[in-house]
Protein backbone atom coordinates (compact mmCIF):
# COMPACT_ATOMS: atom_id res chain seq x y z
CA MET A 1 0.00 0.00 0.00
CA LYS A 2 2.78 2.47 0.94
CA LYS A 3 4.70 1.72 -2.27
CA SER A 4 1.68 2.32 -4.51
CA LEU A 5 0.81 5.55 -2.63
CA SER A 6 4.40 6.84 -2.99
CA PHE A 7 4.36 5.85 -6.67
CA ILE A 8 1.10 7.78 -7.25
CA VAL A 9 2.36 10.85 -5.36
CA GLY A 10 5.66 10.73 -7.28
CA LEU A 11 3.84 10.39 -10.59
CA MET A 12 1.56 13.32 -9.72
CA LEU A 13 4.58 15.48 -8.83
CA LEU A 14 6.26 14.54 -12.10
CA LEU A 15 3.14 15.37 -14.13
CA PHE A 16 2.70 18.66 -12.28
CA THR A 17 6.34 19.61 -12.98
CA VAL A 18 6.02 18.77 -16.68
CA GLN A 19 2.81 20.79 -16.95
CA ARG A 20 4.39 23.83 -15.24
CA CYS A 21 7.49 23.71 -17.45
CA SER A 22 5.43 23.57 -20.63
CA SER A 23 3.28 26.53 -19.56
CA ILE A 24 6.43 28.56 -18.78
CA THR A 25 7.73 27.85 -22.29
CA VAL A 26 4.46 29.04 -23.84
CA ALA A 27 4.43 32.16 -21.67
CA MET A 28 8.01 33.03 -22.69
CA GLY A 29 6.86 33.25 -26.31
CA GLN A 30 4.38 35.91 -25.23
CA ILE A 31 6.89 38.33 -23.70
CA PRO A 32 5.87 41.86 -24.67
CA PRO A 33 8.25 44.01 -26.72
CA GLU A 34 11.01 45.78 -24.85
CA ARG A 35 10.33 49.26 -26.23
CA CYS A 36 6.99 50.73 -27.30
CA CYS A 37 6.00 54.37 -27.56
CA PHE A 38 3.04 55.89 -25.74
CA GLU A 39 3.99 59.57 -25.93
CA PHE A 40 5.10 61.20 -29.17
CA LEU A 41 7.14 64.23 -30.12
CA LYS A 42 4.97 66.77 -31.94
CA GLY A 43 7.76 68.81 -33.54
CA GLU A 44 10.69 67.95 -35.77
CA ILE A 45 14.28 67.13 -34.91
CA PRO A 46 16.94 68.62 -37.19
CA ARG A 47 18.63 65.94 -39.30
CA ARG A 48 22.10 66.91 -38.05
CA ALA A 49 20.96 66.22 -34.45
CA ILE A 50 19.89 62.61 -35.15
CA ALA A 51 22.40 59.89 -34.29
CA SER A 52 20.14 56.90 -35.00
CA ILE A 53 16.60 56.01 -35.95
CA SER A 54 14.79 52.66 -35.72
CA THR A 55 11.26 51.32 -35.69
CA THR A 56 9.41 49.93 -32.71
CA ASP A 57 8.44 46.27 -32.54
CA SER A 58 5.46 45.26 -34.68
CA ARG A 59 3.68 44.06 -31.52
CA CYS A 60 3.53 47.61 -30.12
CA PRO A 61 0.07 49.22 -30.11
CA GLU A 62 1.19 52.10 -32.35
CA PRO A 63 3.96 51.98 -34.96
CA ALA A 64 6.64 54.54 -34.20
CA PHE A 65 10.23 55.58 -34.83
CA LEU A 66 12.70 55.62 -31.95
CA ILE A 67 15.11 58.47 -32.52
CA LYS A 68 18.33 58.92 -30.57
CA THR A 69 20.03 62.29 -30.81
CA VAL A 70 23.74 63.06 -30.79
CA LYS A 71 23.21 64.29 -27.20
CA ASN A 72 21.99 60.77 -26.32
CA LYS A 73 18.33 61.75 -25.82
CA GLU A 74 15.59 59.47 -27.10
CA PHE A 75 12.30 60.49 -28.68
CA CYS A 76 9.31 58.66 -30.11
CA VAL A 77 7.80 59.90 -33.35
CA ARG A 78 4.73 58.50 -35.07
CA GLN A 79 5.53 56.58 -38.25
CA SER A 80 2.89 58.65 -40.03
CA SER A 81 5.17 61.69 -39.63
CA THR A 82 6.48 62.60 -43.09
CA TRP A 83 9.76 64.13 -41.94
CA ALA A 84 10.59 61.09 -39.79
CA GLN A 85 9.79 58.73 -42.69
CA LYS A 86 12.26 60.63 -44.87
CA VAL A 87 14.96 60.51 -42.20
CA TYR A 88 14.36 56.78 -41.72
CA GLU A 89 14.60 56.08 -45.46
CA GLU A 90 17.79 58.16 -45.69
CA GLY A 91 19.14 56.24 -42.72
CA LEU A 92 18.52 52.92 -44.44
CA LYS A 93 20.48 54.14 -47.44
CA SER A 94 23.34 55.71 -45.49
CA ASN A 95 23.40 53.50 -42.36
CA ILE A 96 22.70 56.17 -39.73
């Protein structure tokens, strides 16, 4: 009786562990993006002040550009902004 009870408890612990590990793996695939924008710059940044420009992750609620200036400040700009689109396209061509 004791052996079968220990076997059942051991089996239950093993099944519980396997179930928890598989749910952790699934949850890791659902990690939200590291950087999304929720506030946006309304004005323009002069081209000479921009050190880098990149896009936010496609999982973010609103598509945006992340702009880092030569003074190491970061700004979010909506991707619908014409000036930022031009800077981004220039950056792709010239490797900002």
